[in-house]
């Protein structure tokens, strides 16, 4: 799915279940890998989340997998270990 902020960025999920961000200008080169998913991802969605205290909105990626976790990622983070904002277990 295409990014809502940058038209050259595309989000896909690999066979291992890792969401990645690709750049169309660089021949779909992986520019960010988002760890955290364990196994198959069944659905992914990008949304614009409102910023804190009236700040600009930022894009977040939401995934849901067979492990019953909904994970929320912030692709704008620089460090890979800070990309996952949180996860919620669905019972």
C-alpha atoms as a PDB file:
ATOM      1  CA  UNK A   1       0.000   0.000   0.000  1.00  0.00           C
ATOM      2  CA  UNK A   2       1.179   3.507  -0.723  1.00  0.00           C
ATOM      3  CA  UNK A   3       2.230   5.938   1.970  1.00  0.00           C
ATOM      4  CA  UNK A   4      -0.162   8.771   2.765  1.00  0.00           C
ATOM      5  CA  UNK A   5       2.701  11.196   3.474  1.00  0.00           C
ATOM      6  CA  UNK A   6       5.281  10.415   0.784  1.00  0.00           C
ATOM      7  CA  UNK A   7       4.023   9.212  -2.601  1.00  0.00           C
ATOM      8  CA  UNK A   8       7.349   7.457  -3.318  1.00  0.00           C
ATOM      9  CA  UNK A   9       7.128   5.147  -0.283  1.00  0.00           C
ATOM     10  CA  UNK A  10       5.283   1.826  -0.391  1.00  0.00           C
ATOM     11  CA  UNK A  11       4.590  -0.554   2.509  1.00  0.00           C
ATOM     12  CA  UNK A  12       4.619  -4.331   1.963  1.00  0.00           C
ATOM     13  CA  UNK A  13       4.928  -7.393   4.187  1.00  0.00           C
ATOM     14  CA  UNK A  14       7.617  -9.997   3.471  1.00  0.00           C
ATOM     15  CA  UNK A  15       7.115 -13.771   3.532  1.00  0.00           C
ATOM     16  CA  UNK A  16       8.563 -13.829   7.044  1.00  0.00           C
ATOM     17  CA  UNK A  17       5.869 -11.401   8.228  1.00  0.00           C
ATOM     18  CA  UNK A  18       8.038  -8.287   8.541  1.00  0.00           C
ATOM     19  CA  UNK A  19       6.524  -5.012   7.339  1.00  0.00           C
ATOM     20  CA  UNK A  20       9.016  -3.062   5.225  1.00  0.00           C
ATOM     21  CA  UNK A  21       9.015   0.332   3.567  1.00  0.00           C
ATOM     22  CA  UNK A  22      10.207   0.498  -0.055  1.00  0.00           C
ATOM     23  CA  UNK A  23      11.204   3.522  -2.113  1.00  0.00           C
ATOM     24  CA  UNK A  24       9.852   3.606  -5.673  1.00  0.00           C
ATOM     25  CA  UNK A  25      12.539   6.057  -6.830  1.00  0.00           C
ATOM     26  CA  UNK A  26      15.265   3.576  -5.847  1.00  0.00           C
ATOM     27  CA  UNK A  27      13.746   0.672  -7.818  1.00  0.00           C
ATOM     28  CA  UNK A  28      11.752  -0.530  -4.786  1.00  0.00           C
ATOM     29  CA  UNK A  29      14.761  -0.781  -2.481  1.00  0.00           C
ATOM     30  CA  UNK A  30      14.042  -1.573   1.193  1.00  0.00           C
ATOM     31  CA  UNK A  31      14.660   1.612   3.173  1.00  0.00           C
ATOM     32  CA  UNK A  32      13.162   0.558   6.521  1.00  0.00           C
ATOM     33  CA  UNK A  33      12.382  -2.796   8.113  1.00  0.00           C
ATOM     34  CA  UNK A  34       9.923  -2.834  10.985  1.00  0.00           C
ATOM     35  CA  UNK A  35      10.572  -5.692  13.422  1.00  0.00           C
ATOM     36  CA  UNK A  36       8.086  -7.111  15.863  1.00  0.00           C
ATOM     37  CA  UNK A  37       5.720  -9.261  13.832  1.00  0.00           C
ATOM     38  CA  UNK A  38       5.927 -12.975  14.541  1.00  0.00           C
ATOM     39  CA  UNK A  39       4.607 -14.916  11.588  1.00  0.00           C
ATOM     40  CA  UNK A  40       1.905 -14.225   9.073  1.00  0.00           C
ATOM     41  CA  UNK A  41       0.439 -10.721   8.739  1.00  0.00           C
ATOM     42  CA  UNK A  42      -3.169 -10.868   7.518  1.00  0.00           C
ATOM     43  CA  UNK A  43      -3.960  -7.170   7.158  1.00  0.00           C
ATOM     44  CA  UNK A  44      -2.104  -3.869   7.093  1.00  0.00           C
ATOM     45  CA  UNK A  45      -3.350  -0.297   7.094  1.00  0.00           C
ATOM     46  CA  UNK A  46      -1.757   3.151   7.048  1.00  0.00           C
ATOM     47  CA  UNK A  47      -3.502   6.007   8.828  1.00  0.00           C
ATOM     48  CA  UNK A  48      -2.698   9.592   9.691  1.00  0.00           C
ATOM     49  CA  UNK A  49      -2.687   9.922  13.484  1.00  0.00           C
ATOM     50  CA  UNK A  50      -3.247  13.375  14.964  1.00  0.00           C
ATOM     51  CA  UNK A  51      -0.219  14.907  16.603  1.00  0.00           C
ATOM     52  CA  UNK A  52       0.044  15.715  20.294  1.00  0.00           C
ATOM     53  CA  UNK A  53      -0.957  19.258  21.346  1.00  0.00           C
ATOM     54  CA  UNK A  54      -2.130  20.237  17.875  1.00  0.00           C
ATOM     55  CA  UNK A  55       1.107  19.254  16.167  1.00  0.00           C
ATOM     56  CA  UNK A  56       1.101  17.981  12.597  1.00  0.00           C
ATOM     57  CA  UNK A  57      -0.355  14.551  12.061  1.00  0.00           C
ATOM     58  CA  UNK A  58       2.006  11.651  11.424  1.00  0.00           C
ATOM     59  CA  UNK A  59       1.599   8.432   9.535  1.00  0.00           C
ATOM     60  CA  UNK A  60       1.406   5.121  11.385  1.00  0.00           C
ATOM     61  CA  UNK A  61       1.259   1.581  10.039  1.00  0.00           C
ATOM     62  CA  UNK A  62      -1.112  -0.879  11.719  1.00  0.00           C
ATOM     63  CA  UNK A  63      -0.802  -4.635  11.156  1.00  0.00           C
ATOM     64  CA  UNK A  64      -2.755  -7.623  12.409  1.00  0.00           C
ATOM     65  CA  UNK A  65      -1.455 -11.179  12.235  1.00  0.00           C
ATOM     66  CA  UNK A  66      -2.351 -14.765  12.940  1.00  0.00           C
ATOM     67  CA  UNK A  67      -0.699 -14.444  16.357  1.00  0.00           C
ATOM     68  CA  UNK A  68      -3.699 -12.198  17.279  1.00  0.00           C
ATOM     69  CA  UNK A  69      -1.577  -9.108  17.941  1.00  0.00           C
ATOM     70  CA  UNK A  70      -2.361  -5.718  16.456  1.00  0.00           C
ATOM     71  CA  UNK A  71       0.929  -3.843  16.126  1.00  0.00           C
ATOM     72  CA  UNK A  72       1.342  -0.117  15.554  1.00  0.00           C
ATOM     73  CA  UNK A  73       4.482   1.212  13.869  1.00  0.00           C
ATOM     74  CA  UNK A  74       5.866   4.715  13.393  1.00  0.00           C
ATOM     75  CA  UNK A  75       7.903   4.558  10.157  1.00  0.00           C
ATOM     76  CA  UNK A  76       9.315   8.055  10.751  1.00  0.00           C
ATOM     77  CA  UNK A  77      11.519   6.868  13.646  1.00  0.00           C
ATOM     78  CA  UNK A  78      15.220   6.683  12.866  1.00  0.00           C
ATOM     79  CA  UNK A  79      16.192   3.768  15.107  1.00  0.00           C
ATOM     80  CA  UNK A  80      14.797   0.367  14.206  1.00  0.00           C
ATOM     81  CA  UNK A  81      14.119  -0.654  17.814  1.00  0.00           C
ATOM     82  CA  UNK A  82      11.888   2.436  18.304  1.00  0.00           C
ATOM     83  CA  UNK A  83       9.701   1.875  15.228  1.00  0.00           C
ATOM     84  CA  UNK A  84       7.107  -0.282  17.035  1.00  0.00           C
ATOM     85  CA  UNK A  85       4.922   2.022  19.111  1.00  0.00           C
ATOM     86  CA  UNK A  86       2.841  -0.675  20.748  1.00  0.00           C
ATOM     87  CA  UNK A  87       0.975  -3.925  20.427  1.00  0.00           C
ATOM     88  CA  UNK A  88      -2.424  -5.129  21.580  1.00  0.00           C
ATOM     89  CA  UNK A  89      -3.454  -8.760  22.063  1.00  0.00           C
ATOM     90  CA  UNK A  90      -6.925  -9.611  20.755  1.00  0.00           C
ATOM     91  CA  UNK A  91      -8.538 -12.366  22.766  1.00  0.00           C
END
